[in-house]
Amino acid sequence: MTAKPSFTQLVVQVLEAADRPLTVAEVRAQVEAVRPVNTRNPQVTIRNAISNIPLVESLGGRPARYTWWPRHLADNSFRQPLIDSDLASGTLVLSWETWLGLWPNFYDRSSPREGEVTLILARNPALEARIQHLVTGKAVWGLPATPALAEWYRQQQARPEDELIIRVLDVERHRYGISLARRTDRDEAAISARNQALADAAEAVLQAGRPPLLDSELVTRLFARDVYRDPLPPDSLERVLRADLRFIVGEYNVDLAGKVVDYLEREQKVPPDLDGAPRPRGDRHKARSDEMRQAWGEYLFDRGMDHVWVGWSLAAEAYYREALRLDPGHADAWVHLGNLCFEEGQVVEALDYYERGQAAAEARTIGDPSRYPHPFWLDLDSRPFMRALHGRGLCLWRLGQVEEARQVFAWMLDLNPNDNQGARFLLSDLDEGLSWEESTARDEAWEKEQTEAFRLARIWGSQPDDVSH
């Protein structure tokens, strides 16, 4: 006797064969044409079956409509940035959306062709490859070292700043076209418009759902909305969202900064500093005047600092982003957002934030630094500017732009000869030819040595010799 298909199996069959998105009632009607849903609540039974199928996504609406999202991959295009390691070894580290676009049945582990793809390289034979997990302990997927791909990179004279354009040719047969896009040929205005459309669609998805969403959940819902069905692909989703003040991008999920702040303000698990800026009256979402927006920006920035002090960096980031959404001229919010990115290793992103902080400080407070009438650093209003310079210099150094970093640190020392930020020590390390990593390692070793010296001093009742940096 043949076993009856489960309701989940029948829902899969219905949605996979549907030529349009279906409501729960429509799915139920087609399921019942095969097998009656004789449960206490048939509507809930069908809804639960839908929620257990990872290849089905909701398009929202009332009533909500559901679609088999891999079908929406046809004619999608993705922009995949290249990194140094890709070119050197013939690997390809994939962004969130490219990974799922190339491996849509990832969550169906019964597939006999797990991760297999056929890449149609421009002016080259087709390349058979397999997507694999690349970094232990992290959700990093892509193509492992592939000699044929490395040779193609070489033939194309690809550079790290270049990008691949990956087009879905045949979803069922896992065939994808790949061409190289030179960084110098980017149409920045057109790509910026595509990035804005992608960010707006992501916000709509998050507003309609219950954030935070896993990055994979967000991607599949964007696929279902046909966001990538355009000949000109946007930048990678992670890059777009990180550059947009509306979003908080965690290690595995995405949230809306405004919703995070709303939650934290309701819960008040970290009390406000009594010396911080007072909470303005009214609703920040309705703040219209520059005065009110700046007042909210100052309050939100201070609340971000409250959360930094207790180690809640993600909460602090949400406050900084919301402060800047209301008051883009808040220099210190840009700087502290840069600090968080720098600590996470997002150096290029951090550099952009520090530069924005410097520009904001000059526009609102400093003016022409050579004509500033007050002593730098000793004047509190100058500190965001000086912190922005310090962050800029560290980023440039870490990115290997040594001479540019040297100029920034020398300028800091010229503006503030008292050197409250220690620029002279950084210049000394640069003069020794140390990289940022080497300088940091030496500082950490020195701090460890001092900690041990003070520990021994407490044991033996003596004071350690003073050691200057």
Protein backbone atom coordinates (compact mmCIF):
# COMPACT_ATOMS: atom_id res chain seq x y z
CA MET A 1 0.00 0.00 0.00
CA THR A 2 1.42 3.35 -1.04
CA ALA A 3 1.75 5.86 1.80
CA LYS A 4 -0.25 9.04 1.45
CA PRO A 5 1.85 12.17 0.82
CA SER A 6 2.09 14.45 3.81
CA PHE A 7 0.45 17.85 3.76
CA THR A 8 3.91 19.45 3.59
CA GLN A 9 4.77 17.36 0.52
CA LEU A 10 1.48 18.35 -1.12
CA VAL A 11 2.09 22.04 -0.37
CA VAL A 12 5.54 21.74 -1.98
CA GLN A 13 3.97 20.23 -5.10
CA VAL A 14 1.32 22.94 -5.29
CA LEU A 15 3.64 25.92 -4.85
CA GLU A 16 6.43 24.52 -7.01
CA ALA A 17 3.97 24.05 -9.89
CA ALA A 18 2.09 27.34 -9.43
CA ASP A 19 2.58 29.98 -12.10
CA ARG A 20 1.80 32.80 -9.65
CA PRO A 21 1.91 33.44 -5.89
CA LEU A 22 -0.93 31.79 -3.96
CA THR A 23 -2.81 32.61 -0.77
CA VAL A 24 -3.18 30.03 2.01
CA ALA A 25 -6.78 29.47 0.95
CA GLU A 26 -5.70 28.80 -2.65
CA VAL A 27 -2.99 26.39 -1.52
CA ARG A 28 -5.48 24.60 0.72
CA ALA A 29 -7.98 24.24 -2.14
CA GLN A 30 -5.39 22.60 -4.39
CA VAL A 31 -4.13 20.32 -1.59
CA GLU A 32 -7.69 19.19 -0.82
CA ALA A 33 -8.16 18.27 -4.47
CA VAL A 34 -5.67 15.48 -3.74
CA ARG A 35 -6.27 14.78 -0.05
CA PRO A 36 -8.89 16.22 2.34
CA VAL A 37 -7.40 18.23 5.21
CA ASN A 38 -9.40 16.62 8.01
CA THR A 39 -7.71 18.38 10.92
CA ARG A 40 -9.19 20.54 13.66
CA ASN A 41 -8.11 23.71 11.82
CA PRO A 42 -7.25 23.02 8.16
CA GLN A 43 -6.16 26.63 7.55
CA VAL A 44 -3.59 26.43 10.36
CA THR A 45 -2.42 23.03 9.09
CA ILE A 46 -1.64 24.47 5.66
CA ARG A 47 -0.07 27.59 7.13
CA ASN A 48 2.22 25.48 9.36
CA ALA A 49 3.23 23.36 6.37
CA ILE A 50 4.14 26.50 4.42
CA SER A 51 6.25 27.85 7.30
CA ASN A 52 8.27 24.60 7.37
CA ILE A 53 9.34 24.83 3.73
CA PRO A 54 12.52 26.96 3.35
CA LEU A 55 12.04 27.37 -0.42
CA VAL A 56 8.72 29.16 0.08
CA GLU A 57 8.55 32.89 0.87
CA SER A 58 5.75 35.30 1.63
CA LEU A 59 5.17 38.37 -0.50
CA GLY A 60 3.07 39.90 2.26
CA GLY A 61 -0.25 41.60 1.67
CA ARG A 62 -3.69 40.81 3.03
CA PRO A 63 -4.19 37.99 2.53
CA ALA A 64 -0.52 37.08 2.25
CA ARG A 65 0.63 35.39 -0.94
CA TYR A 66 3.31 32.71 -1.05
CA THR A 67 5.75 31.81 -3.81
CA TRP A 68 8.40 29.20 -4.61
CA TRP A 69 11.30 31.66 -4.52
CA PRO A 70 13.90 29.74 -6.63
CA ARG A 71 11.61 30.35 -9.60
CA HIS A 72 12.33 34.08 -9.18
CA LEU A 73 16.06 33.53 -9.81
CA ALA A 74 15.65 33.46 -13.59
CA ASP A 75 17.44 36.44 -15.18
CA ASN A 76 18.87 37.60 -11.84
CA SER A 77 22.26 39.35 -11.81
CA PHE A 78 24.70 39.74 -8.94
CA ARG A 79 27.74 41.96 -8.46
CA GLN A 80 30.47 39.99 -6.71
CA PRO A 81 33.53 41.94 -5.45
CA LEU A 82 36.92 40.29 -5.90
CA ILE A 83 39.50 40.18 -3.11
CA ASP A 84 43.25 39.55 -3.15
CA SER A 85 42.97 35.94 -2.01
CA ASP A 86 40.53 35.15 -4.83
CA LEU A 87 43.00 36.27 -7.48
CA ALA A 88 46.01 34.61 -5.91
CA SER A 89 44.52 31.14 -5.48
CA GLY A 90 41.55 30.99 -7.85
CA THR A 91 38.97 31.01 -5.08
CA LEU A 92 35.70 32.93 -5.04
CA VAL A 93 34.31 34.01 -1.68
CA LEU A 94 30.60 34.56 -2.23
CA SER A 95 28.36 37.26 -0.80
CA TRP A 96 25.07 36.27 0.86
CA GLU A 97 22.91 36.74 -2.20
CA THR A 98 25.37 35.21 -4.68
CA TRP A 99 25.76 32.13 -2.49
CA LEU A 100 22.01 31.47 -2.34
CA GLY A 101 21.58 32.50 -5.97
CA LEU A 102 24.08 29.85 -7.05
CA TRP A 103 22.88 27.24 -4.54
CA PRO A 104 19.12 27.79 -4.13
CA ASN A 105 18.48 24.27 -2.83
CA PHE A 106 21.08 24.62 -0.06
CA TYR A 107 18.47 23.81 2.59
CA ASP A 108 17.36 20.72 0.69
CA ARG A 109 20.31 18.53 1.65
CA SER A 110 18.83 15.51 -0.15
CA SER A 111 19.97 16.94 -3.50
CA PRO A 112 22.47 14.64 -5.26
CA ARG A 113 24.27 17.69 -6.71
CA GLU A 114 24.94 19.65 -3.54
CA GLY A 115 26.61 22.93 -4.48
CA GLU A 116 27.49 21.92 -8.04
CA VAL A 117 27.50 24.76 -10.56
CA THR A 118 28.48 25.26 -14.18
CA LEU A 119 30.20 28.58 -14.76
CA ILE A 120 30.20 29.99 -18.27
CA LEU A 121 33.31 32.18 -18.22
CA ALA A 122 33.61 34.92 -20.82
CA ARG A 123 35.60 33.63 -23.82
CA ASN A 124 36.48 30.38 -22.00
CA PRO A 125 35.18 26.79 -21.81
CA ALA A 126 32.49 26.07 -19.21
CA LEU A 127 33.90 25.37 -15.76
CA GLU A 128 32.36 22.69 -13.52
CA ALA A 129 32.78 23.61 -9.86
CA ARG A 130 31.32 22.96 -6.41
CA ILE A 131 30.52 25.53 -3.72
CA GLN A 132 32.00 24.59 -0.36
CA HIS A 133 32.27 25.87 3.19
CA LEU A 134 35.55 27.83 3.20
CA VAL A 135 36.19 29.06 6.77
CA THR A 136 35.78 26.81 9.81
CA GLY A 137 33.44 28.31 12.39
CA LYS A 138 32.13 31.03 10.08
CA ALA A 139 29.35 31.15 7.50
CA VAL A 140 31.71 31.74 4.58
CA TRP A 141 30.90 29.86 1.38
CA GLY A 142 32.38 29.88 -2.08
CA LEU A 143 34.59 28.09 -4.56
CA PRO A 144 37.80 26.59 -3.16
CA ALA A 145 41.11 27.02 -4.99
CA THR A 146 40.35 26.31 -8.65
CA PRO A 147 43.32 26.46 -11.08
CA ALA A 148 41.08 27.08 -14.10
CA LEU A 149 39.48 30.05 -12.38
CA ALA A 150 42.88 31.43 -11.33
CA GLU A 151 44.02 31.20 -14.96
CA TRP A 152 40.87 33.01 -16.10
CA TYR A 153 41.54 35.79 -13.58
CA ARG A 154 45.06 36.06 -15.01
CA GLN A 155 43.84 36.17 -18.60
CA GLN A 156 41.35 38.89 -17.71
CA GLN A 157 44.06 40.82 -15.81
CA ALA A 158 41.64 41.07 -12.91
CA ARG A 159 42.50 43.33 -9.96
CA PRO A 160 41.22 43.24 -6.38
CA GLU A 161 39.06 46.30 -6.94
CA ASP A 162 37.35 44.70 -9.94
CA GLU A 163 34.05 42.82 -9.74
CA LEU A 164 32.39 39.81 -11.27
CA ILE A 165 28.95 40.08 -12.81
CA ILE A 166 27.20 36.74 -12.28
CA ARG A 167 24.03 36.11 -14.29
CA VAL A 168 21.59 33.25 -13.77
CA LEU A 169 21.29 31.45 -17.11
CA ASP A 170 19.46 28.26 -16.12
CA VAL A 171 18.19 27.71 -12.58
CA GLU A 172 17.34 24.02 -13.01
CA ARG A 173 20.69 23.11 -14.60
CA HIS A 174 22.72 25.40 -12.28
CA ARG A 175 24.30 27.33 -15.16
CA TYR A 176 25.64 30.83 -14.57
CA GLY A 177 27.41 33.34 -16.80
CA ILE A 178 30.42 35.20 -15.41
CA SER A 179 32.05 38.33 -16.80
CA LEU A 180 34.56 40.82 -15.37
CA ALA A 181 33.57 44.41 -14.61
CA ARG A 182 36.43 46.87 -14.21
CA ARG A 183 36.23 49.09 -11.18
CA THR A 184 37.17 52.02 -13.40
CA ASP A 185 34.13 51.39 -15.62
CA ARG A 186 31.53 51.60 -12.85
CA ASP A 187 28.57 53.85 -13.54
CA GLU A 188 28.42 55.15 -9.98
CA ALA A 189 25.18 57.10 -10.43
CA ALA A 190 23.31 54.12 -11.89
CA ILE A 191 24.69 51.67 -9.32
CA SER A 192 23.87 54.10 -6.52
CA ALA A 193 20.26 54.15 -7.72
CA ARG A 194 20.18 50.34 -7.75
CA ASN A 195 21.71 50.29 -4.25
CA GLN A 196 19.00 52.67 -3.02
CA ALA A 197 16.28 50.47 -4.50
CA LEU A 198 17.82 47.40 -2.83
CA ALA A 199 18.02 49.15 0.57
CA ASP A 200 14.42 50.36 0.26
CA ALA A 201 13.25 46.84 -0.56
CA ALA A 202 15.20 45.45 2.41
CA GLU A 203 13.59 48.01 4.72
CA ALA A 204 10.15 47.07 3.39
CA VAL A 205 10.84 43.38 4.08
CA LEU A 206 12.04 44.12 7.61
CA GLN A 207 9.13 46.43 8.34
CA ALA A 208 6.67 43.79 7.14
CA GLY A 209 8.25 41.00 9.20
CA ARG A 210 9.59 40.62 12.68
CA PRO A 211 13.25 41.65 12.63
CA PRO A 212 15.92 40.70 13.16
CA LEU A 213 15.95 38.39 10.16
CA LEU A 214 18.70 35.94 9.36
CA ASP A 215 20.69 37.22 6.39
CA SER A 216 19.55 34.17 4.37
CA GLU A 217 15.89 34.89 5.21
CA LEU A 218 16.25 38.48 4.06
CA VAL A 219 17.94 37.41 0.82
CA THR A 220 15.26 34.89 -0.11
CA ARG A 221 12.50 37.42 0.54
CA LEU A 222 14.29 39.89 -1.71
CA PHE A 223 14.53 37.19 -4.39
CA ALA A 224 10.79 36.63 -4.07
CA ARG A 225 10.26 40.34 -4.75
CA ASP A 226 12.38 40.15 -7.95
CA VAL A 227 14.82 42.74 -6.59
CA TYR A 228 17.78 41.27 -8.52
CA ARG A 229 15.98 40.85 -11.84
CA ASP A 230 17.79 43.72 -13.56
CA PRO A 231 20.69 43.74 -16.07
CA LEU A 232 22.58 46.15 -13.80
CA PRO A 233 23.16 44.48 -10.42
CA PRO A 234 23.56 46.55 -7.24
CA ASP A 235 26.56 46.22 -4.95
CA SER A 236 26.59 43.28 -2.56
CA LEU A 237 23.72 43.36 -0.06
CA GLU A 238 25.99 43.46 2.99
CA ARG A 239 27.90 46.43 1.58
CA VAL A 240 24.67 48.27 0.71
CA LEU A 241 23.13 47.73 4.14
CA ARG A 242 26.29 48.64 6.05
CA ALA A 243 26.48 51.92 4.17
CA ASP A 244 22.86 52.79 5.01
CA LEU A 245 22.08 54.31 8.41
CA ARG A 246 18.74 52.50 8.61
CA PHE A 247 20.28 49.06 9.15
CA ILE A 248 22.18 47.11 11.76
CA VAL A 249 24.16 44.26 10.22
CA GLY A 250 25.12 41.58 12.72
CA GLU A 251 27.25 38.53 12.08
CA TYR A 252 24.30 36.47 10.87
CA ASN A 253 21.27 38.76 10.85
CA VAL A 254 19.94 42.18 9.88
CA ASP A 255 17.79 44.57 11.89
CA LEU A 256 16.47 48.12 11.61
CA ALA A 257 18.35 50.63 13.77
CA GLY A 258 15.16 52.54 14.56
CA LYS A 259 13.37 49.44 15.81
CA VAL A 260 16.35 48.48 17.97
CA VAL A 261 16.38 51.96 19.52
CA ASP A 262 12.60 51.85 20.09
CA TYR A 263 13.00 48.55 21.96
CA LEU A 264 15.94 49.77 24.05
CA GLU A 265 14.13 52.97 24.96
CA ARG A 266 11.10 50.98 26.14
CA GLU A 267 13.12 48.48 28.16
CA GLN A 268 15.74 50.90 29.57
CA LYS A 269 18.01 48.02 30.64
CA VAL A 270 20.92 50.48 30.59
CA PRO A 271 19.90 53.65 32.48
CA PRO A 272 20.84 57.03 30.97
CA ASP A 273 23.84 58.86 32.39
CA LEU A 274 22.52 61.68 34.57
CA ASP A 275 25.12 64.00 33.04
CA GLY A 276 24.09 63.12 29.50
CA ALA A 277 21.86 65.11 27.18
CA PRO A 278 18.22 65.09 28.37
CA ARG A 279 15.61 63.24 26.36
CA PRO A 280 13.77 65.75 24.16
CA ARG A 281 10.00 66.01 24.38
CA GLY A 282 7.77 64.44 21.79
CA ASP A 283 8.39 61.77 19.14
CA ARG A 284 11.75 61.74 17.41
CA HIS A 285 10.10 60.34 14.27
CA LYS A 286 8.18 63.61 13.99
CA ALA A 287 11.12 65.94 14.66
CA ARG A 288 11.21 68.44 11.81
CA SER A 289 13.22 71.51 12.84
CA ASP A 290 17.01 71.46 12.81
CA GLU A 291 17.00 72.35 16.50
CA MET A 292 14.86 69.37 17.47
CA ARG A 293 16.72 66.96 15.19
CA GLN A 294 20.03 68.05 16.67
CA ALA A 295 18.66 67.72 20.20
CA TRP A 296 17.53 64.17 19.43
CA GLY A 297 20.88 63.45 17.79
CA GLU A 298 22.76 64.53 20.91
CA TYR A 299 20.49 62.49 23.20
CA LEU A 300 20.76 59.36 21.03
CA PHE A 301 24.53 59.72 20.78
CA ASP A 302 24.83 59.91 24.57
CA ARG A 303 22.62 56.83 24.89
CA GLY A 304 24.95 55.09 22.47
CA MET A 305 27.85 55.93 24.75
CA ASP A 306 25.89 54.55 27.73
CA HIS A 307 25.73 51.21 25.92
CA VAL A 308 29.38 51.30 24.82
CA TRP A 309 30.46 51.59 28.46
CA VAL A 310 28.66 48.34 29.34
CA GLY A 311 29.95 46.52 26.26
CA TRP A 312 26.73 46.47 24.21
CA SER A 313 28.34 47.50 20.95
CA LEU A 314 25.43 46.47 18.70
CA ALA A 315 23.02 48.57 20.77
CA ALA A 316 25.47 51.46 20.67
CA GLU A 317 25.69 51.18 16.88
CA ALA A 318 21.91 51.37 16.61
CA TYR A 319 21.88 54.58 18.66
CA TYR A 320 24.71 56.14 16.63
CA ARG A 321 22.99 55.31 13.35
CA GLU A 322 19.68 56.68 14.54
CA ALA A 323 21.42 59.83 15.81
CA LEU A 324 22.98 60.36 12.39
CA ARG A 325 19.74 59.68 10.58
CA LEU A 326 18.28 62.64 12.46
CA ASP A 327 21.41 64.78 12.55
CA PRO A 328 24.01 63.90 9.87
CA GLY A 329 26.18 66.75 11.18
CA HIS A 330 26.91 65.03 14.51
CA ALA A 331 30.66 64.52 14.11
CA ASP A 332 31.20 62.38 17.19
CA ALA A 333 28.51 59.90 16.14
CA TRP A 334 30.35 59.36 12.85
CA VAL A 335 33.62 58.92 14.73
CA HIS A 336 32.27 56.40 17.22
CA LEU A 337 30.53 54.49 14.46
CA GLY A 338 33.97 54.38 12.81
CA ASN A 339 35.46 53.07 16.06
CA LEU A 340 33.03 50.14 16.13
CA CYS A 341 33.77 49.28 12.49
CA PHE A 342 37.52 49.55 13.09
CA GLU A 343 37.30 47.13 16.01
CA GLU A 344 35.37 44.68 13.80
CA GLY A 345 38.04 44.87 11.09
CA GLN A 346 35.79 46.80 8.68
CA VAL A 347 38.63 49.23 7.95
CA VAL A 348 37.47 50.72 4.63
CA GLU A 349 34.05 51.36 6.12
CA ALA A 350 35.60 52.85 9.26
CA LEU A 351 37.77 55.19 7.16
CA ASP A 352 34.66 56.50 5.42
CA TYR A 353 32.99 57.21 8.78
CA TYR A 354 36.06 58.99 10.15
CA GLU A 355 36.25 61.15 7.03
CA ARG A 356 32.56 62.01 7.42
CA GLY A 357 33.20 62.86 11.06
CA GLN A 358 36.07 65.16 10.14
CA ALA A 359 33.96 66.89 7.48
CA ALA A 360 31.03 67.28 9.89
CA ALA A 361 33.29 68.76 12.59
CA GLU A 362 34.82 71.23 10.16
CA ALA A 363 31.38 72.25 8.87
CA ARG A 364 29.77 72.74 12.29
CA THR A 365 32.54 73.58 14.72
CA ILE A 366 36.09 73.89 13.42
CA GLY A 367 35.89 75.69 10.10
CA ASP A 368 39.37 76.15 8.67
CA PRO A 369 41.59 74.25 11.17
CA SER A 370 44.47 76.66 10.57
CA ARG A 371 42.29 79.52 11.85
CA TYR A 372 40.63 77.79 14.77
CA PRO A 373 40.86 80.24 17.70
CA HIS A 374 40.95 77.71 20.53
CA PRO A 375 43.56 75.14 21.63
CA PHE A 376 42.92 71.77 20.04
CA TRP A 377 41.91 68.98 22.42
CA LEU A 378 41.89 71.29 25.46
CA ASP A 379 38.82 72.85 23.88
CA LEU A 380 36.16 70.13 24.20
CA ASP A 381 34.41 71.19 20.99
CA SER A 382 37.55 70.28 19.02
CA ARG A 383 37.77 66.71 20.29
CA PRO A 384 35.46 65.06 17.74
CA PHE A 385 37.63 66.57 15.01
CA MET A 386 40.83 65.31 16.63
CA ARG A 387 39.33 61.86 17.21
CA ALA A 388 38.34 61.73 13.54
CA LEU A 389 41.92 62.53 12.52
CA HIS A 390 43.27 59.82 14.83
CA GLY A 391 40.88 57.24 13.39
CA ARG A 392 41.71 58.30 9.83
CA GLY A 393 45.41 57.89 10.46
CA LEU A 394 45.00 54.43 11.97
CA CYS A 395 42.85 53.28 9.05
CA LEU A 396 45.33 54.57 6.48
CA TRP A 397 48.17 52.86 8.33
CA ARG A 398 46.24 49.59 8.59
CA LEU A 399 45.44 49.76 4.87
CA GLY A 400 49.13 50.13 4.05
CA GLN A 401 48.92 53.82 3.05
CA VAL A 402 51.87 54.71 5.23
CA GLU A 403 52.77 58.16 3.93
CA GLU A 404 49.16 59.34 4.11
CA ALA A 405 48.97 58.07 7.71
CA ARG A 406 52.23 59.85 8.56
CA GLN A 407 50.81 63.13 7.25
CA VAL A 408 47.69 62.78 9.42
CA PHE A 409 49.65 62.02 12.60
CA ALA A 410 52.09 64.87 11.90
CA TRP A 411 49.13 67.23 11.42
CA MET A 412 47.66 66.10 14.75
CA LEU A 413 50.96 66.87 16.47
CA ASP A 414 51.17 70.25 14.77
CA LEU A 415 47.61 71.16 15.86
CA ASN A 416 48.12 69.90 19.41
CA PRO A 417 51.79 69.96 20.50
CA ASN A 418 50.72 68.66 23.93
CA ASP A 419 49.89 65.42 22.05
CA ASN A 420 47.15 64.17 24.33
CA GLN A 421 46.40 61.39 21.81
CA GLY A 422 49.95 60.06 21.50
CA ALA A 423 50.56 60.86 17.83
CA ARG A 424 54.31 61.04 18.44
CA PHE A 425 54.38 57.37 19.42
CA LEU A 426 52.55 56.42 16.23
CA LEU A 427 55.00 58.48 14.15
CA SER A 428 57.87 56.75 15.93
CA ASP A 429 56.51 53.33 15.02
CA LEU A 430 56.05 54.46 11.42
CA ASP A 431 59.64 55.68 11.35
CA GLU A 432 60.73 52.22 12.51
CA GLY A 433 58.89 50.74 9.55
CA LEU A 434 56.36 48.88 11.68
CA SER A 435 53.02 47.87 10.22
CA TRP A 436 49.86 48.62 12.18
CA GLU A 437 49.68 44.95 13.16
CA GLU A 438 53.29 44.93 14.41
CA SER A 439 52.79 48.15 16.38
CA THR A 440 49.60 46.81 17.95
CA ALA A 441 51.28 43.52 18.87
CA ARG A 442 54.14 45.39 20.54
CA ASP A 443 51.71 47.58 22.50
CA GLU A 444 49.80 44.52 23.66
CA ALA A 445 53.03 42.83 24.76
CA TRP A 446 54.05 45.97 26.67
CA GLU A 447 50.67 46.18 28.41
CA LYS A 448 50.87 42.51 29.34
CA GLU A 449 54.35 43.07 30.75
CA GLN A 450 53.17 46.04 32.84
CA THR A 451 50.16 44.10 34.13
CA GLU A 452 52.45 41.31 35.28
CA ALA A 453 54.84 43.81 36.88
CA PHE A 454 52.05 45.41 38.91
CA ARG A 455 50.76 41.96 39.90
CA LEU A 456 54.16 41.03 41.28
CA ALA A 457 54.47 44.42 42.96
CA ARG A 458 51.26 43.75 44.89
CA ILE A 459 52.58 40.34 45.92
CA TRP A 460 55.95 41.64 47.13
CA GLY A 461 54.78 45.00 48.43
CA SER A 462 56.97 47.10 46.14
CA GLN A 463 56.37 49.36 43.15
CA PRO A 464 57.59 48.40 39.70
CA ASP A 465 60.00 50.62 37.87
CA ASP A 466 58.27 53.21 35.72
CA VAL A 467 58.54 52.21 32.09
CA SER A 468 57.86 54.83 29.44
CA HIS A 469 56.22 53.86 26.15
